All heavy atoms as atom14 arrays in JSON, in Angstrom:
{
  "sequence": "SPTTALNRILSLAGNAAIDDELLFEAVLAVDTLWRA",
  "atom14_mask": [
    [1, 1, 1, 1, 1, 1, 0, 0, 0, 0, 0, 0, 0, 0],
    [1, 1, 1, 1, 1, 1, 1, 0, 0, 0, 0, 0, 0, 0],
    [1, 1, 1, 1, 1, 1, 1, 0, 0, 0, 0, 0, 0, 0],
    [1, 1, 1, 1, 1, 1, 1, 0, 0, 0, 0, 0, 0, 0],
    [1, 1, 1, 1, 1, 0, 0, 0, 0, 0, 0, 0, 0, 0],
    [1, 1, 1, 1, 1, 1, 1, 1, 0, 0, 0, 0, 0, 0],
    [1, 1, 1, 1, 1, 1, 1, 1, 0, 0, 0, 0, 0, 0],
    [1, 1, 1, 1, 1, 1, 1, 1, 1, 1, 1, 0, 0, 0],
    [1, 1, 1, 1, 1, 1, 1, 1, 0, 0, 0, 0, 0, 0],
    [1, 1, 1, 1, 1, 1, 1, 1, 0, 0, 0, 0, 0, 0],
    [1, 1, 1, 1, 1, 1, 0, 0, 0, 0, 0, 0, 0, 0],
    [1, 1, 1, 1, 1, 1, 1, 1, 0, 0, 0, 0, 0, 0],
    [1, 1, 1, 1, 1, 0, 0, 0, 0, 0, 0, 0, 0, 0],
    [1, 1, 1, 1, 0, 0, 0, 0, 0, 0, 0, 0, 0, 0],
    [1, 1, 1, 1, 1, 1, 1, 1, 0, 0, 0, 0, 0, 0],
    [1, 1, 1, 1, 1, 0, 0, 0, 0, 0, 0, 0, 0, 0],
    [1, 1, 1, 1, 1, 0, 0, 0, 0, 0, 0, 0, 0, 0],
    [1, 1, 1, 1, 1, 1, 1, 1, 0, 0, 0, 0, 0, 0],
    [1, 1, 1, 1, 1, 1, 1, 1, 0, 0, 0, 0, 0, 0],
    [1, 1, 1, 1, 1, 1, 1, 1, 0, 0, 0, 0, 0, 0],
    [1, 1, 1, 1, 1, 1, 1, 1, 1, 0, 0, 0, 0, 0],
    [1, 1, 1, 1, 1, 1, 1, 1, 0, 0, 0, 0, 0, 0],
    [1, 1, 1, 1, 1, 1, 1, 1, 0, 0, 0, 0, 0, 0],
    [1, 1, 1, 1, 1, 1, 1, 1, 1, 1, 1, 0, 0, 0],
    [1, 1, 1, 1, 1, 1, 1, 1, 1, 0, 0, 0, 0, 0],
    [1, 1, 1, 1, 1, 0, 0, 0, 0, 0, 0, 0, 0, 0],
    [1, 1, 1, 1, 1, 1, 1, 0, 0, 0, 0, 0, 0, 0],
    [1, 1, 1, 1, 1, 1, 1, 1, 0, 0, 0, 0, 0, 0],
    [1, 1, 1, 1, 1, 0, 0, 0, 0, 0, 0, 0, 0, 0],
    [1, 1, 1, 1, 1, 1, 1, 0, 0, 0, 0, 0, 0, 0],
    [1, 1, 1, 1, 1, 1, 1, 1, 0, 0, 0, 0, 0, 0],
    [1, 1, 1, 1, 1, 1, 1, 0, 0, 0, 0, 0, 0, 0],
    [1, 1, 1, 1, 1, 1, 1, 1, 0, 0, 0, 0, 0, 0],
    [1, 1, 1, 1, 1, 1, 1, 1, 1, 1, 1, 1, 1, 1],
    [1, 1, 1, 1, 1, 1, 1, 1, 1, 1, 1, 0, 0, 0],
    [1, 1, 1, 1, 1, 0, 0, 0, 0, 0, 0, 0, 0, 0]
  ],
  "atom14_positions": [
    [[2.68, 15.28, 14.57], [4.12, 15.3, 14.05], [4.02, 14.71, 12.61], [3.08, 14.06, 12.2], [5.05, 14.53, 14.83], [4.9, 13.11, 14.71], [0.0, 0.0, 0.0], [0.0, 0.0, 0.0], [0.0, 0.0, 0.0], [0.0, 0.0, 0.0], [0.0, 0.0, 0.0], [0.0, 0.0, 0.0], [0.0, 0.0, 0.0], [0.0, 0.0, 0.0]],
    [[5.13, 14.87, 11.84], [5.21, 14.18, 10.5], [5.02, 12.68, 10.63], [4.44, 12.02, 9.77], [6.57, 14.5, 9.95], [6.82, 15.87, 10.66], [6.28, 15.84, 12.02], [0.0, 0.0, 0.0], [0.0, 0.0, 0.0], [0.0, 0.0, 0.0], [0.0, 0.0, 0.0], [0.0, 0.0, 0.0], [0.0, 0.0, 0.0], [0.0, 0.0, 0.0]],
    [[5.49, 12.06, 11.77], [5.38, 10.65, 12.03], [3.91, 10.18, 12.24], [3.49, 9.24, 11.68], [6.32, 10.14, 13.18], [7.68, 10.37, 12.79], [6.07, 8.66, 13.37], [0.0, 0.0, 0.0], [0.0, 0.0, 0.0], [0.0, 0.0, 0.0], [0.0, 0.0, 0.0], [0.0, 0.0, 0.0], [0.0, 0.0, 0.0], [0.0, 0.0, 0.0]],
    [[3.19, 10.99, 13.09], [1.79, 10.66, 13.35], [0.97, 10.85, 12.11], [0.1, 10.12, 11.69], [1.22, 11.57, 14.46], [1.32, 12.99, 14.08], [1.98, 11.31, 15.78], [0.0, 0.0, 0.0], [0.0, 0.0, 0.0], [0.0, 0.0, 0.0], [0.0, 0.0, 0.0], [0.0, 0.0, 0.0], [0.0, 0.0, 0.0], [0.0, 0.0, 0.0]],
    [[1.36, 11.83, 11.26], [0.51, 12.06, 9.93], [0.91, 10.89, 9.03], [-0.08, 10.33, 8.44], [1.09, 13.32, 9.32], [0.0, 0.0, 0.0], [0.0, 0.0, 0.0], [0.0, 0.0, 0.0], [0.0, 0.0, 0.0], [0.0, 0.0, 0.0], [0.0, 0.0, 0.0], [0.0, 0.0, 0.0], [0.0, 0.0, 0.0], [0.0, 0.0, 0.0]],
    [[2.13, 10.35, 9.01], [2.42, 9.17, 8.19], [1.67, 7.91, 8.78], [1.16, 7.18, 8.05], [3.99, 8.96, 8.18], [4.46, 7.83, 7.45], [4.0, 7.88, 5.98], [5.88, 7.58, 7.54], [0.0, 0.0, 0.0], [0.0, 0.0, 0.0], [0.0, 0.0, 0.0], [0.0, 0.0, 0.0], [0.0, 0.0, 0.0], [0.0, 0.0, 0.0]],
    [[1.68, 7.81, 10.07], [1.06, 6.63, 10.71], [-0.48, 6.55, 10.36], [-0.97, 5.5, 10.25], [1.18, 6.67, 12.23], [2.56, 6.07, 12.65], [3.2, 5.31, 11.91], [2.89, 6.32, 13.86], [0.0, 0.0, 0.0], [0.0, 0.0, 0.0], [0.0, 0.0, 0.0], [0.0, 0.0, 0.0], [0.0, 0.0, 0.0], [0.0, 0.0, 0.0]],
    [[-1.11, 7.65, 10.22], [-2.52, 7.67, 9.92], [-2.75, 7.06, 8.54], [-3.74, 6.25, 8.34], [-3.07, 9.11, 9.87], [-3.39, 9.68, 11.25], [-4.24, 10.91, 11.25], [-3.6, 12.02, 10.53], [-2.84, 12.88, 11.14], [-2.66, 12.76, 12.44], [-2.27, 13.89, 10.42], [0.0, 0.0, 0.0], [0.0, 0.0, 0.0], [0.0, 0.0, 0.0]],
    [[-1.77, 7.23, 7.65], [-1.9, 6.6, 6.25], [-1.52, 5.24, 6.38], [-2.28, 4.38, 5.8], [-1.0, 7.47, 5.28], [-1.5, 8.92, 5.18], [-0.99, 6.74, 4.0], [-0.63, 9.76, 4.36], [0.0, 0.0, 0.0], [0.0, 0.0, 0.0], [0.0, 0.0, 0.0], [0.0, 0.0, 0.0], [0.0, 0.0, 0.0], [0.0, 0.0, 0.0]],
    [[-0.39, 4.87, 7.01], [0.05, 3.49, 7.02], [-0.9, 2.59, 7.73], [-1.02, 1.45, 7.41], [1.41, 3.48, 7.7], [2.64, 4.23, 7.01], [3.87, 4.04, 7.73], [2.71, 3.75, 5.51], [0.0, 0.0, 0.0], [0.0, 0.0, 0.0], [0.0, 0.0, 0.0], [0.0, 0.0, 0.0], [0.0, 0.0, 0.0], [0.0, 0.0, 0.0]],
    [[-1.63, 3.13, 8.73], [-2.57, 2.4, 9.54], [-3.8, 1.9, 8.68], [-4.56, 1.05, 9.02], [-3.11, 3.17, 10.78], [-3.9, 4.18, 10.3], [0.0, 0.0, 0.0], [0.0, 0.0, 0.0], [0.0, 0.0, 0.0], [0.0, 0.0, 0.0], [0.0, 0.0, 0.0], [0.0, 0.0, 0.0], [0.0, 0.0, 0.0], [0.0, 0.0, 0.0]],
    [[-3.93, 2.55, 7.51], [-5.03, 2.23, 6.56], [-4.48, 1.47, 5.35], [-5.12, 1.4, 4.38], [-5.72, 3.44, 6.09], [-6.4, 4.32, 7.2], [-6.91, 5.59, 6.63], [-7.55, 3.52, 7.84], [0.0, 0.0, 0.0], [0.0, 0.0, 0.0], [0.0, 0.0, 0.0], [0.0, 0.0, 0.0], [0.0, 0.0, 0.0], [0.0, 0.0, 0.0]],
    [[-3.2, 0.97, 5.5], [-2.51, 0.37, 4.43], [-2.47, 1.18, 3.2], [-2.65, 0.75, 2.04], [-3.23, -1.06, 4.13], [0.0, 0.0, 0.0], [0.0, 0.0, 0.0], [0.0, 0.0, 0.0], [0.0, 0.0, 0.0], [0.0, 0.0, 0.0], [0.0, 0.0, 0.0], [0.0, 0.0, 0.0], [0.0, 0.0, 0.0], [0.0, 0.0, 0.0]],
    [[-2.12, 2.37, 3.43], [-2.02, 3.42, 2.31], [-0.69, 3.58, 1.91], [0.26, 2.92, 2.2], [0.0, 0.0, 0.0], [0.0, 0.0, 0.0], [0.0, 0.0, 0.0], [0.0, 0.0, 0.0], [0.0, 0.0, 0.0], [0.0, 0.0, 0.0], [0.0, 0.0, 0.0], [0.0, 0.0, 0.0], [0.0, 0.0, 0.0], [0.0, 0.0, 0.0]],
    [[-0.5, 4.63, 0.97], [0.87, 5.09, 0.51], [0.93, 6.52, 0.62], [-0.03, 7.24, 0.47], [1.15, 4.48, -0.88], [0.29, 5.21, -1.93], [0.7, 6.19, -2.45], [-0.85, 4.67, -2.2], [0.0, 0.0, 0.0], [0.0, 0.0, 0.0], [0.0, 0.0, 0.0], [0.0, 0.0, 0.0], [0.0, 0.0, 0.0], [0.0, 0.0, 0.0]],
    [[2.16, 6.99, 0.79], [2.35, 8.42, 1.01], [3.76, 8.91, 0.52], [4.63, 8.15, 0.52], [2.14, 8.76, 2.48], [0.0, 0.0, 0.0], [0.0, 0.0, 0.0], [0.0, 0.0, 0.0], [0.0, 0.0, 0.0], [0.0, 0.0, 0.0], [0.0, 0.0, 0.0], [0.0, 0.0, 0.0], [0.0, 0.0, 0.0], [0.0, 0.0, 0.0]],
    [[3.75, 10.1, 0.15], [5.08, 10.77, -0.08], [5.62, 11.35, 1.24], [4.83, 11.8, 2.03], [4.92, 11.93, -1.08], [0.0, 0.0, 0.0], [0.0, 0.0, 0.0], [0.0, 0.0, 0.0], [0.0, 0.0, 0.0], [0.0, 0.0, 0.0], [0.0, 0.0, 0.0], [0.0, 0.0, 0.0], [0.0, 0.0, 0.0], [0.0, 0.0, 0.0]],
    [[6.93, 11.16, 1.51], [7.5, 11.67, 2.66], [8.31, 12.89, 2.41], [9.33, 12.89, 1.91], [8.43, 10.64, 3.32], [7.73, 9.24, 3.56], [9.06, 11.15, 4.61], [8.61, 8.19, 4.16], [0.0, 0.0, 0.0], [0.0, 0.0, 0.0], [0.0, 0.0, 0.0], [0.0, 0.0, 0.0], [0.0, 0.0, 0.0], [0.0, 0.0, 0.0]],
    [[7.63, 14.03, 2.74], [8.1, 15.35, 2.4], [9.13, 15.8, 3.38], [10.02, 16.58, 3.13], [7.01, 16.4, 2.24], [6.03, 16.04, 1.16], [6.56, 15.53, 0.01], [4.9, 16.2, 1.25], [0.0, 0.0, 0.0], [0.0, 0.0, 0.0], [0.0, 0.0, 0.0], [0.0, 0.0, 0.0], [0.0, 0.0, 0.0], [0.0, 0.0, 0.0]],
    [[8.98, 15.36, 4.72], [9.89, 15.76, 5.73], [11.25, 15.18, 5.63], [11.39, 13.95, 5.58], [9.21, 15.52, 7.11], [10.01, 16.11, 8.23], [11.11, 15.47, 8.65], [9.7, 17.1, 8.76], [0.0, 0.0, 0.0], [0.0, 0.0, 0.0], [0.0, 0.0, 0.0], [0.0, 0.0, 0.0], [0.0, 0.0, 0.0], [0.0, 0.0, 0.0]],
    [[12.26, 15.96, 5.52], [13.59, 15.48, 5.21], [14.08, 14.52, 6.31], [14.64, 13.56, 6.11], [14.52, 16.64, 5.1], [15.96, 16.26, 4.61], [16.0, 15.73, 3.13], [15.23, 16.17, 2.32], [16.74, 14.74, 2.89], [0.0, 0.0, 0.0], [0.0, 0.0, 0.0], [0.0, 0.0, 0.0], [0.0, 0.0, 0.0], [0.0, 0.0, 0.0]],
    [[13.96, 15.01, 7.54], [14.35, 14.18, 8.74], [13.63, 12.84, 8.74], [14.28, 11.77, 9.1], [14.2, 14.92, 10.03], [15.37, 15.79, 10.46], [15.12, 16.48, 11.8], [16.76, 15.14, 10.52], [0.0, 0.0, 0.0], [0.0, 0.0, 0.0], [0.0, 0.0, 0.0], [0.0, 0.0, 0.0], [0.0, 0.0, 0.0], [0.0, 0.0, 0.0]],
    [[12.43, 12.88, 8.53], [11.57, 11.58, 8.6], [12.01, 10.69, 7.53], [12.15, 9.46, 7.76], [10.11, 11.92, 8.55], [9.18, 10.69, 8.52], [9.38, 9.81, 9.7], [7.69, 11.15, 8.47], [0.0, 0.0, 0.0], [0.0, 0.0, 0.0], [0.0, 0.0, 0.0], [0.0, 0.0, 0.0], [0.0, 0.0, 0.0], [0.0, 0.0, 0.0]],
    [[12.22, 11.19, 6.35], [12.65, 10.44, 5.22], [14.04, 9.77, 5.5], [14.21, 8.56, 5.24], [12.81, 11.22, 3.92], [13.12, 10.5, 2.73], [12.35, 9.47, 2.23], [14.34, 10.72, 2.0], [12.64, 8.74, 1.09], [14.66, 10.05, 0.96], [13.87, 9.02, 0.47], [0.0, 0.0, 0.0], [0.0, 0.0, 0.0], [0.0, 0.0, 0.0]],
    [[14.94, 10.59, 6.09], [16.26, 10.07, 6.55], [16.14, 8.99, 7.49], [16.84, 7.89, 7.48], [17.07, 11.2, 7.04], [18.47, 10.79, 7.36], [19.31, 11.96, 7.92], [18.97, 13.16, 7.64], [20.37, 11.7, 8.55], [0.0, 0.0, 0.0], [0.0, 0.0, 0.0], [0.0, 0.0, 0.0], [0.0, 0.0, 0.0], [0.0, 0.0, 0.0]],
    [[15.19, 9.09, 8.51], [14.99, 8.08, 9.54], [14.48, 6.81, 8.91], [14.95, 5.71, 9.35], [14.12, 8.62, 10.7], [0.0, 0.0, 0.0], [0.0, 0.0, 0.0], [0.0, 0.0, 0.0], [0.0, 0.0, 0.0], [0.0, 0.0, 0.0], [0.0, 0.0, 0.0], [0.0, 0.0, 0.0], [0.0, 0.0, 0.0], [0.0, 0.0, 0.0]],
    [[13.52, 6.96, 8.01], [12.86, 5.76, 7.41], [13.98, 4.94, 6.63], [13.99, 3.74, 6.75], [11.75, 6.09, 6.55], [11.31, 4.96, 5.62], [10.6, 6.58, 7.38], [0.0, 0.0, 0.0], [0.0, 0.0, 0.0], [0.0, 0.0, 0.0], [0.0, 0.0, 0.0], [0.0, 0.0, 0.0], [0.0, 0.0, 0.0], [0.0, 0.0, 0.0]],
    [[14.77, 5.61, 5.94], [15.88, 5.0, 5.17], [16.87, 4.28, 6.07], [17.32, 3.15, 5.89], [16.54, 5.89, 4.23], [15.83, 6.51, 3.09], [16.65, 7.47, 2.24], [15.2, 5.35, 2.2], [0.0, 0.0, 0.0], [0.0, 0.0, 0.0], [0.0, 0.0, 0.0], [0.0, 0.0, 0.0], [0.0, 0.0, 0.0], [0.0, 0.0, 0.0]],
    [[17.18, 4.96, 7.22], [18.1, 4.37, 8.18], [17.56, 3.17, 8.81], [18.19, 2.09, 9.01], [18.47, 5.38, 9.26], [0.0, 0.0, 0.0], [0.0, 0.0, 0.0], [0.0, 0.0, 0.0], [0.0, 0.0, 0.0], [0.0, 0.0, 0.0], [0.0, 0.0, 0.0], [0.0, 0.0, 0.0], [0.0, 0.0, 0.0], [0.0, 0.0, 0.0]],
    [[16.23, 3.27, 9.22], [15.52, 1.99, 9.82], [15.55, 0.89, 8.85], [15.85, -0.24, 9.22], [14.18, 2.34, 10.2], [13.41, 1.08, 10.54], [14.12, 3.33, 11.45], [0.0, 0.0, 0.0], [0.0, 0.0, 0.0], [0.0, 0.0, 0.0], [0.0, 0.0, 0.0], [0.0, 0.0, 0.0], [0.0, 0.0, 0.0], [0.0, 0.0, 0.0]],
    [[15.26, 1.1, 7.58], [15.3, 0.03, 6.54], [16.67, -0.68, 6.49], [16.67, -1.93, 6.39], [14.88, 0.71, 5.19], [14.61, -0.4, 4.18], [13.75, -1.27, 4.44], [15.27, -0.47, 3.07], [0.0, 0.0, 0.0], [0.0, 0.0, 0.0], [0.0, 0.0, 0.0], [0.0, 0.0, 0.0], [0.0, 0.0, 0.0], [0.0, 0.0, 0.0]],
    [[17.77, 0.23, 6.47], [19.0, -0.37, 6.42], [19.39, -1.3, 7.61], [19.87, -2.38, 7.55], [20.12, 0.76, 6.33], [19.93, 1.38, 5.04], [21.54, 0.17, 6.29], [0.0, 0.0, 0.0], [0.0, 0.0, 0.0], [0.0, 0.0, 0.0], [0.0, 0.0, 0.0], [0.0, 0.0, 0.0], [0.0, 0.0, 0.0], [0.0, 0.0, 0.0]],
    [[18.92, -0.71, 8.86], [19.28, -1.42, 10.04], [18.36, -2.61, 10.17], [18.74, -3.66, 10.91], [19.11, -0.41, 11.19], [20.19, 0.61, 11.26], [19.83, 1.72, 12.24], [21.52, 0.0, 11.65], [0.0, 0.0, 0.0], [0.0, 0.0, 0.0], [0.0, 0.0, 0.0], [0.0, 0.0, 0.0], [0.0, 0.0, 0.0], [0.0, 0.0, 0.0]],
    [[17.1, -2.59, 9.8], [16.21, -3.74, 9.79], [16.76, -4.87, 9.06], [16.89, -6.09, 9.45], [14.9, -3.34, 9.2], [13.86, -4.5, 9.0], [13.19, -5.03, 10.07], [13.56, -5.18, 7.86], [12.42, -6.01, 9.48], [12.59, -6.13, 8.15], [13.98, -5.01, 6.44], [12.09, -7.05, 7.21], [13.42, -5.9, 5.54], [12.49, -6.87, 5.89]],
    [[17.38, -4.51, 7.91], [18.04, -5.63, 7.14], [19.32, -6.12, 7.75], [19.62, -7.34, 7.88], [18.43, -5.07, 5.73], [17.15, -4.74, 4.84], [17.49, -4.03, 3.6], [16.35, -3.47, 2.93], [15.41, -4.19, 2.18], [15.67, -5.48, 2.02], [14.4, -3.59, 1.7], [0.0, 0.0, 0.0], [0.0, 0.0, 0.0], [0.0, 0.0, 0.0]],
    [[20.17, -5.17, 8.29], [21.41, -5.62, 8.93], [21.21, -6.46, 10.23], [21.97, -7.39, 10.45], [22.19, -4.34, 9.36], [0.0, 0.0, 0.0], [0.0, 0.0, 0.0], [0.0, 0.0, 0.0], [0.0, 0.0, 0.0], [0.0, 0.0, 0.0], [0.0, 0.0, 0.0], [0.0, 0.0, 0.0], [0.0, 0.0, 0.0], [0.0, 0.0, 0.0]]
  ]
}
């Protein structure tokens, strides 16, 4: 999935562009809720 593809990069302490619209929306939502 787009998440498993992203995890492969993050597990190597890498950086990536998030092209999938839903995944990008989820990441932003998590960031807001993590802070809240």
